[in-house]
Amino acid sequence: MAAQKRQNTGQNNGLNPSPEMVKEFLSVQSKELQVRAQELTVQSENQHNHKEIAKLSIEANKQDRKDEREYKLKRTQFNWIGGGIVLVIVLIFAGYALFLGKEELILEVVKYFGTFAAGFVGGYGISRGRAAKDSDEDIPQS
């Protein structure tokens, strides 16, 4: 029995690890901690990079929206000025035709212009309706 006790104490039965195993376990744990610290550093850098990209994206979108608003304002101003010029030309033409006594000419021009305007407004309405329908289909339903 005494020989068996001496034999058991000499063997590693899992209850009392040898000092070499403890040192190796601590070495592995130390390496795992170093790797984990490096992973955390990389993760932190990735988060910082994503944050910077988001900031730059927001700034680019902000500038783009500003440019778009300026463009729409200029386009609207141009349309109003162009429409005003056309109106003045039409009024001058109508005044000159009345001055010459050509009322029938004015009535014919108004008739053709009215037909053109009705077609334009109808086509514009149809295209706006289709555009609104298309944009509604682009929105995902939840």
N, C-alpha and C. Protein backbone atom coordinates (compact mmCIF):
# COMPACT_ATOMS: atom_id res chain seq x y z
N MET A 1 0.82 -1.18 0.00
CA MET A 1 0.00 0.00 0.00
C MET A 1 0.87 1.25 0.00
N ALA A 2 1.91 1.28 0.77
CA ALA A 2 2.82 2.41 0.83
C ALA A 2 3.48 2.63 -0.51
N ALA A 3 3.75 1.51 -1.21
CA ALA A 3 4.37 1.62 -2.52
C ALA A 3 3.38 2.24 -3.51
N GLN A 4 2.10 1.89 -3.31
CA GLN A 4 1.08 2.44 -4.19
C GLN A 4 0.91 3.94 -3.96
N LYS A 5 1.00 4.38 -2.68
CA LYS A 5 0.89 5.82 -2.40
C LYS A 5 2.04 6.57 -3.02
N ARG A 6 3.25 5.98 -2.91
CA ARG A 6 4.39 6.65 -3.51
C ARG A 6 4.24 6.72 -5.03
N GLN A 7 3.68 5.71 -5.60
CA GLN A 7 3.50 5.67 -7.03
C GLN A 7 2.45 6.70 -7.46
N ASN A 8 1.33 6.86 -6.70
CA ASN A 8 0.30 7.82 -7.02
C ASN A 8 0.80 9.26 -6.88
N THR A 9 1.60 9.52 -5.89
CA THR A 9 2.10 10.87 -5.70
C THR A 9 3.10 11.24 -6.78
N GLY A 10 3.75 10.29 -7.38
CA GLY A 10 4.71 10.56 -8.44
C GLY A 10 4.01 10.80 -9.75
N GLN A 11 2.80 10.28 -9.90
CA GLN A 11 2.08 10.43 -11.15
C GLN A 11 1.19 11.67 -11.12
N ASN A 12 0.91 12.19 -12.28
CA ASN A 12 -0.01 13.33 -12.39
C ASN A 12 -1.39 12.75 -12.67
N ASN A 13 -2.25 12.76 -11.65
CA ASN A 13 -3.58 12.20 -11.83
C ASN A 13 -4.61 13.29 -12.12
N GLY A 14 -4.21 14.52 -12.42
CA GLY A 14 -5.13 15.58 -12.78
C GLY A 14 -5.53 16.45 -11.60
N LEU A 15 -5.33 15.98 -10.38
CA LEU A 15 -5.72 16.77 -9.22
C LEU A 15 -4.64 17.78 -8.85
N ASN A 16 -3.42 17.39 -8.96
CA ASN A 16 -2.29 18.28 -8.65
C ASN A 16 -1.44 18.43 -9.90
N PRO A 17 -1.63 19.52 -10.69
CA PRO A 17 -0.85 19.66 -11.92
C PRO A 17 0.63 19.92 -11.61
N SER A 18 1.42 19.48 -12.52
CA SER A 18 2.86 19.67 -12.34
C SER A 18 3.21 21.15 -12.55
N PRO A 19 4.32 21.62 -11.98
CA PRO A 19 4.71 23.03 -12.13
C PRO A 19 4.95 23.40 -13.60
N GLU A 20 5.43 22.46 -14.42
CA GLU A 20 5.63 22.76 -15.83
C GLU A 20 4.30 23.03 -16.53
N MET A 21 3.27 22.26 -16.18
CA MET A 21 1.95 22.48 -16.76
C MET A 21 1.38 23.82 -16.34
N VAL A 22 1.58 24.19 -15.09
CA VAL A 22 1.09 25.48 -14.61
C VAL A 22 1.78 26.61 -15.35
N LYS A 23 3.10 26.48 -15.53
CA LYS A 23 3.85 27.52 -16.25
C LYS A 23 3.37 27.61 -17.70
N GLU A 24 3.16 26.47 -18.33
CA GLU A 24 2.70 26.47 -19.71
C GLU A 24 1.29 27.05 -19.81
N PHE A 25 0.43 26.68 -18.86
CA PHE A 25 -0.93 27.22 -18.84
C PHE A 25 -0.91 28.73 -18.68
N LEU A 26 -0.09 29.24 -17.78
CA LEU A 26 0.02 30.69 -17.59
C LEU A 26 0.61 31.37 -18.83
N SER A 27 1.53 30.71 -19.49
CA SER A 27 2.12 31.26 -20.72
C SER A 27 1.05 31.35 -21.81
N VAL A 28 0.26 30.30 -21.96
CA VAL A 28 -0.80 30.30 -22.96
C VAL A 28 -1.83 31.38 -22.63
N GLN A 29 -2.19 31.49 -21.34
CA GLN A 29 -3.15 32.51 -20.94
C GLN A 29 -2.60 33.91 -21.22
N SER A 30 -1.32 34.12 -20.97
CA SER A 30 -0.69 35.41 -21.23
C SER A 30 -0.74 35.74 -22.73
N LYS A 31 -0.45 34.74 -23.58
CA LYS A 31 -0.50 34.94 -25.02
C LYS A 31 -1.93 35.23 -25.47
N GLU A 32 -2.91 34.52 -24.90
CA GLU A 32 -4.30 34.78 -25.26
C GLU A 32 -4.71 36.20 -24.88
N LEU A 33 -4.25 36.67 -23.73
CA LEU A 33 -4.56 38.04 -23.31
C LEU A 33 -3.93 39.06 -24.26
N GLN A 34 -2.70 38.77 -24.71
CA GLN A 34 -2.05 39.67 -25.66
C GLN A 34 -2.82 39.71 -26.98
N VAL A 35 -3.22 38.53 -27.46
CA VAL A 35 -3.99 38.47 -28.71
C VAL A 35 -5.31 39.20 -28.54
N ARG A 36 -5.98 39.00 -27.42
CA ARG A 36 -7.26 39.68 -27.16
C ARG A 36 -7.05 41.20 -27.11
N ALA A 37 -5.97 41.65 -26.49
CA ALA A 37 -5.69 43.09 -26.44
C ALA A 37 -5.46 43.64 -27.85
N GLN A 38 -4.77 42.87 -28.69
CA GLN A 38 -4.56 43.30 -30.07
C GLN A 38 -5.88 43.32 -30.83
N GLU A 39 -6.74 42.34 -30.61
CA GLU A 39 -8.05 42.32 -31.26
C GLU A 39 -8.87 43.53 -30.84
N LEU A 40 -8.82 43.87 -29.57
CA LEU A 40 -9.56 45.05 -29.09
C LEU A 40 -9.02 46.33 -29.71
N THR A 41 -7.71 46.40 -29.87
CA THR A 41 -7.10 47.57 -30.50
C THR A 41 -7.55 47.69 -31.96
N VAL A 42 -7.53 46.57 -32.67
CA VAL A 42 -7.97 46.57 -34.07
C VAL A 42 -9.45 46.93 -34.16
N GLN A 43 -10.25 46.37 -33.25
CA GLN A 43 -11.68 46.67 -33.24
C GLN A 43 -11.92 48.15 -32.97
N SER A 44 -11.16 48.71 -32.05
CA SER A 44 -11.28 50.14 -31.74
C SER A 44 -10.90 50.99 -32.95
N GLU A 45 -9.83 50.60 -33.63
CA GLU A 45 -9.42 51.33 -34.83
C GLU A 45 -10.48 51.24 -35.93
N ASN A 46 -11.09 50.06 -36.09
CA ASN A 46 -12.15 49.90 -37.07
C ASN A 46 -13.34 50.80 -36.76
N GLN A 47 -13.72 50.86 -35.49
CA GLN A 47 -14.82 51.73 -35.09
C GLN A 47 -14.47 53.19 -35.36
N HIS A 48 -13.25 53.57 -35.08
CA HIS A 48 -12.82 54.95 -35.33
C HIS A 48 -12.87 55.25 -36.83
N ASN A 49 -12.40 54.28 -37.64
CA ASN A 49 -12.42 54.47 -39.10
C ASN A 49 -13.85 54.58 -39.61
N HIS A 50 -14.74 53.74 -39.11
CA HIS A 50 -16.15 53.81 -39.53
C HIS A 50 -16.76 55.15 -39.14
N LYS A 51 -16.38 55.64 -37.98
CA LYS A 51 -16.89 56.93 -37.52
C LYS A 51 -16.41 58.05 -38.44
N GLU A 52 -15.14 58.00 -38.83
CA GLU A 52 -14.60 59.02 -39.73
C GLU A 52 -15.26 58.95 -41.11
N ILE A 53 -15.47 57.73 -41.59
CA ILE A 53 -16.12 57.57 -42.88
C ILE A 53 -17.54 58.12 -42.82
N ALA A 54 -18.23 57.84 -41.73
CA ALA A 54 -19.60 58.35 -41.58
C ALA A 54 -19.61 59.88 -41.56
N LYS A 55 -18.66 60.48 -40.85
CA LYS A 55 -18.58 61.94 -40.81
C LYS A 55 -18.34 62.51 -42.22
N LEU A 56 -17.41 61.90 -42.94
CA LEU A 56 -17.12 62.38 -44.29
C LEU A 56 -18.31 62.19 -45.22
N SER A 57 -19.01 61.08 -45.06
CA SER A 57 -20.20 60.82 -45.88
C SER A 57 -21.29 61.85 -45.59
N ILE A 58 -21.50 62.15 -44.32
CA ILE A 58 -22.50 63.14 -43.95
C ILE A 58 -22.12 64.51 -44.51
N GLU A 59 -20.87 64.86 -44.43
CA GLU A 59 -20.42 66.16 -44.95
C GLU A 59 -20.59 66.22 -46.47
N ALA A 60 -20.27 65.12 -47.15
CA ALA A 60 -20.44 65.09 -48.61
C ALA A 60 -21.92 65.21 -48.97
N ASN A 61 -22.78 64.49 -48.25
CA ASN A 61 -24.22 64.58 -48.52
C ASN A 61 -24.73 65.99 -48.24
N LYS A 62 -24.22 66.60 -47.19
CA LYS A 62 -24.63 67.96 -46.84
C LYS A 62 -24.27 68.93 -47.96
N GLN A 63 -23.07 68.82 -48.47
CA GLN A 63 -22.62 69.69 -49.56
C GLN A 63 -23.42 69.41 -50.82
N ASP A 64 -23.68 68.15 -51.09
CA ASP A 64 -24.45 67.78 -52.28
C ASP A 64 -25.87 68.35 -52.19
N ARG A 65 -26.49 68.25 -51.04
CA ARG A 65 -27.84 68.79 -50.88
C ARG A 65 -27.84 70.32 -51.03
N LYS A 66 -26.79 70.96 -50.54
CA LYS A 66 -26.69 72.42 -50.68
C LYS A 66 -26.58 72.78 -52.17
N ASP A 67 -25.74 72.06 -52.88
CA ASP A 67 -25.59 72.32 -54.32
C ASP A 67 -26.91 72.05 -55.06
N GLU A 68 -27.61 71.00 -54.65
CA GLU A 68 -28.87 70.67 -55.31
C GLU A 68 -29.91 71.78 -55.07
N ARG A 69 -29.96 72.29 -53.83
CA ARG A 69 -30.91 73.38 -53.54
C ARG A 69 -30.57 74.63 -54.34
N GLU A 70 -29.28 74.95 -54.45
CA GLU A 70 -28.88 76.11 -55.24
C GLU A 70 -29.25 75.92 -56.71
N TYR A 71 -29.06 74.73 -57.23
CA TYR A 71 -29.40 74.45 -58.62
C TYR A 71 -30.90 74.60 -58.84
N LYS A 72 -31.70 74.03 -57.95
CA LYS A 72 -33.16 74.12 -58.10
C LYS A 72 -33.62 75.57 -58.02
N LEU A 73 -33.01 76.36 -57.14
CA LEU A 73 -33.37 77.77 -57.03
C LEU A 73 -33.05 78.50 -58.33
N LYS A 74 -31.86 78.28 -58.88
CA LYS A 74 -31.48 78.93 -60.14
C LYS A 74 -32.38 78.48 -61.29
N ARG A 75 -32.70 77.20 -61.33
CA ARG A 75 -33.57 76.69 -62.38
C ARG A 75 -34.97 77.30 -62.28
N THR A 76 -35.49 77.41 -61.07
CA THR A 76 -36.81 78.01 -60.87
C THR A 76 -36.80 79.48 -61.27
N GLN A 77 -35.75 80.19 -60.86
CA GLN A 77 -35.65 81.60 -61.25
C GLN A 77 -35.57 81.74 -62.76
N PHE A 78 -34.80 80.88 -63.40
CA PHE A 78 -34.67 80.92 -64.85
C PHE A 78 -36.02 80.66 -65.51
N ASN A 79 -36.76 79.68 -64.99
CA ASN A 79 -38.07 79.36 -65.56
C ASN A 79 -39.03 80.54 -65.43
N TRP A 80 -39.05 81.18 -64.27
CA TRP A 80 -39.95 82.33 -64.08
C TRP A 80 -39.55 83.50 -64.98
N ILE A 81 -38.25 83.74 -65.07
CA ILE A 81 -37.79 84.84 -65.93
C ILE A 81 -38.12 84.52 -67.39
N GLY A 82 -37.85 83.27 -67.82
CA GLY A 82 -38.17 82.87 -69.19
C GLY A 82 -39.65 82.97 -69.47
N GLY A 83 -40.48 82.51 -68.53
CA GLY A 83 -41.92 82.61 -68.69
C GLY A 83 -42.38 84.05 -68.77
N GLY A 84 -41.77 84.90 -67.97
CA GLY A 84 -42.11 86.34 -68.01
C GLY A 84 -41.75 86.96 -69.33
N ILE A 85 -40.60 86.61 -69.87
CA ILE A 85 -40.18 87.14 -71.17
C ILE A 85 -41.14 86.69 -72.27
N VAL A 86 -41.51 85.40 -72.25
CA VAL A 86 -42.46 84.88 -73.24
C VAL A 86 -43.79 85.60 -73.12
N LEU A 87 -44.25 85.82 -71.90
CA LEU A 87 -45.52 86.52 -71.68
C LEU A 87 -45.46 87.95 -72.23
N VAL A 88 -44.36 88.64 -71.97
CA VAL A 88 -44.21 90.00 -72.48
C VAL A 88 -44.21 90.00 -74.01
N ILE A 89 -43.54 89.04 -74.63
CA ILE A 89 -43.51 88.96 -76.09
C ILE A 89 -44.92 88.70 -76.63
N VAL A 90 -45.66 87.79 -75.99
CA VAL A 90 -47.03 87.49 -76.43
C VAL A 90 -47.91 88.72 -76.28
N LEU A 91 -47.77 89.44 -75.17
CA LEU A 91 -48.58 90.64 -74.96
C LEU A 91 -48.23 91.72 -75.99
N ILE A 92 -46.96 91.85 -76.31
CA ILE A 92 -46.55 92.83 -77.33
C ILE A 92 -47.14 92.44 -78.69
N PHE A 93 -47.06 91.14 -79.01
CA PHE A 93 -47.64 90.66 -80.27
C PHE A 93 -49.14 90.91 -80.30
N ALA A 94 -49.83 90.61 -79.20
CA ALA A 94 -51.29 90.81 -79.15
C ALA A 94 -51.62 92.30 -79.26
N GLY A 95 -50.87 93.13 -78.60
CA GLY A 95 -51.10 94.58 -78.69
C GLY A 95 -50.87 95.09 -80.10
N TYR A 96 -49.81 94.59 -80.73
CA TYR A 96 -49.52 95.02 -82.10
C TYR A 96 -50.62 94.54 -83.05
N ALA A 97 -51.09 93.28 -82.85
CA ALA A 97 -52.17 92.76 -83.70
C ALA A 97 -53.45 93.56 -83.50
N LEU A 98 -53.74 93.93 -82.27
CA LEU A 98 -54.92 94.76 -82.03
C LEU A 98 -54.76 96.14 -82.66
N PHE A 99 -53.55 96.66 -82.62
CA PHE A 99 -53.27 97.96 -83.21
C PHE A 99 -53.52 97.93 -84.72
N LEU A 100 -53.18 96.78 -85.35
CA LEU A 100 -53.38 96.63 -86.78
C LEU A 100 -54.81 96.21 -87.13
N GLY A 101 -55.61 95.87 -86.10
CA GLY A 101 -57.00 95.47 -86.34
C GLY A 101 -57.13 94.02 -86.73
N LYS A 102 -56.25 93.15 -86.30
CA LYS A 102 -56.26 91.73 -86.64
C LYS A 102 -56.73 90.90 -85.44
N GLU A 103 -57.96 91.11 -84.99
CA GLU A 103 -58.49 90.39 -83.84
C GLU A 103 -58.63 88.89 -84.13
N GLU A 104 -58.93 88.55 -85.41
CA GLU A 104 -59.08 87.15 -85.79
C GLU A 104 -57.77 86.38 -85.60
N LEU A 105 -56.66 87.05 -85.88
CA LEU A 105 -55.34 86.43 -85.70
C LEU A 105 -55.11 86.09 -84.23
N ILE A 106 -55.48 87.02 -83.37
CA ILE A 106 -55.31 86.79 -81.93
C ILE A 106 -56.17 85.62 -81.48
N LEU A 107 -57.41 85.53 -81.98
CA LEU A 107 -58.31 84.44 -81.60
C LEU A 107 -57.75 83.09 -82.08
N GLU A 108 -57.17 83.05 -83.28
CA GLU A 108 -56.58 81.82 -83.79
C GLU A 108 -55.36 81.40 -82.95
N VAL A 109 -54.53 82.36 -82.60
CA VAL A 109 -53.34 82.08 -81.79
C VAL A 109 -53.76 81.57 -80.41
N VAL A 110 -54.78 82.20 -79.82
CA VAL A 110 -55.27 81.76 -78.51
C VAL A 110 -55.84 80.36 -78.60
N LYS A 111 -56.56 80.05 -79.69
CA LYS A 111 -57.14 78.73 -79.86
C LYS A 111 -56.05 77.67 -79.96
N TYR A 112 -55.02 77.90 -80.78
CA TYR A 112 -53.93 76.93 -80.90
C TYR A 112 -53.11 76.83 -79.61
N PHE A 113 -52.86 77.98 -79.01
CA PHE A 113 -52.11 77.98 -77.76
C PHE A 113 -52.89 77.25 -76.67
N GLY A 114 -54.20 77.43 -76.62
CA GLY A 114 -55.03 76.73 -75.63
C GLY A 114 -54.97 75.23 -75.82
N THR A 115 -55.02 74.77 -77.05
CA THR A 115 -54.93 73.33 -77.34
C THR A 115 -53.57 72.80 -76.90
N PHE A 116 -52.52 73.53 -77.26
CA PHE A 116 -51.16 73.14 -76.85
C PHE A 116 -51.04 73.11 -75.34
N ALA A 117 -51.54 74.12 -74.67
CA ALA A 117 -51.44 74.20 -73.21
C ALA A 117 -52.20 73.06 -72.55
N ALA A 118 -53.39 72.72 -73.06
CA ALA A 118 -54.16 71.61 -72.50
C ALA A 118 -53.40 70.30 -72.65
N GLY A 119 -52.81 70.07 -73.79
CA GLY A 119 -52.01 68.85 -74.00
C GLY A 119 -50.80 68.81 -73.09
N PHE A 120 -50.15 69.96 -72.94
CA PHE A 120 -48.98 70.04 -72.08
C PHE A 120 -49.35 69.73 -70.63
N VAL A 121 -50.40 70.36 -70.13
CA VAL A 121 -50.81 70.15 -68.74
C VAL A 121 -51.23 68.70 -68.53
N GLY A 122 -51.96 68.11 -69.48
CA GLY A 122 -52.36 66.71 -69.35
C GLY A 122 -51.17 65.77 -69.33
N GLY A 123 -50.23 65.97 -70.23
CA GLY A 123 -49.02 65.14 -70.26
C GLY A 123 -48.19 65.31 -69.00
N TYR A 124 -48.09 66.53 -68.53
CA TYR A 124 -47.34 66.78 -67.30
C TYR A 124 -48.00 66.06 -66.14
N GLY A 125 -49.33 66.13 -66.05
CA GLY A 125 -50.04 65.45 -64.96
C GLY A 125 -49.85 63.95 -65.00
N ILE A 126 -49.90 63.38 -66.20
CA ILE A 126 -49.69 61.94 -66.34
C ILE A 126 -48.28 61.54 -65.91
N SER A 127 -47.29 62.31 -66.34
CA SER A 127 -45.91 61.97 -65.98
C SER A 127 -45.67 62.12 -64.48
N ARG A 128 -46.25 63.12 -63.87
CA ARG A 128 -46.12 63.29 -62.41
C ARG A 128 -46.78 62.14 -61.68
N GLY A 129 -47.93 61.69 -62.17
CA GLY A 129 -48.62 60.56 -61.55
C GLY A 129 -47.80 59.29 -61.64
N ARG A 130 -47.18 59.05 -62.79
CA ARG A 130 -46.34 57.87 -62.95
C ARG A 130 -45.10 57.95 -62.07
N ALA A 131 -44.50 59.13 -61.99
CA ALA A 131 -43.31 59.30 -61.15
C ALA A 131 -43.65 59.05 -59.69
N ALA A 132 -44.79 59.55 -59.23
CA ALA A 132 -45.20 59.33 -57.84
C ALA A 132 -45.47 57.86 -57.59
N LYS A 133 -46.08 57.19 -58.57
CA LYS A 133 -46.36 55.75 -58.42
C LYS A 133 -45.06 54.97 -58.38
N ASP A 134 -44.11 55.31 -59.23
CA ASP A 134 -42.82 54.63 -59.24
C ASP A 134 -42.07 54.83 -57.94
N SER A 135 -42.10 56.04 -57.40
CA SER A 135 -41.40 56.30 -56.15
C SER A 135 -42.08 55.58 -54.99
N ASP A 136 -43.39 55.39 -55.04
CA ASP A 136 -44.09 54.65 -53.99
C ASP A 136 -43.69 53.17 -54.04
N GLU A 137 -43.48 52.65 -55.23
CA GLU A 137 -43.09 51.24 -55.37
C GLU A 137 -41.67 51.01 -54.89
N ASP A 138 -40.82 52.02 -54.92
CA ASP A 138 -39.43 51.88 -54.47
C ASP A 138 -39.33 51.76 -52.96
N ILE A 139 -40.34 52.26 -52.24
CA ILE A 139 -40.30 52.23 -50.78
C ILE A 139 -40.69 50.83 -50.31
N PRO A 140 -39.79 50.16 -49.54
CA PRO A 140 -40.12 48.81 -49.07
C PRO A 140 -41.23 48.86 -48.02
N GLN A 141 -42.17 47.93 -48.14
CA GLN A 141 -43.28 47.84 -47.19
C GLN A 141 -42.85 46.96 -46.03
N SER A 142 -43.10 47.43 -44.79
CA SER A 142 -42.71 46.61 -43.63
C SER A 142 -43.88 45.87 -43.06
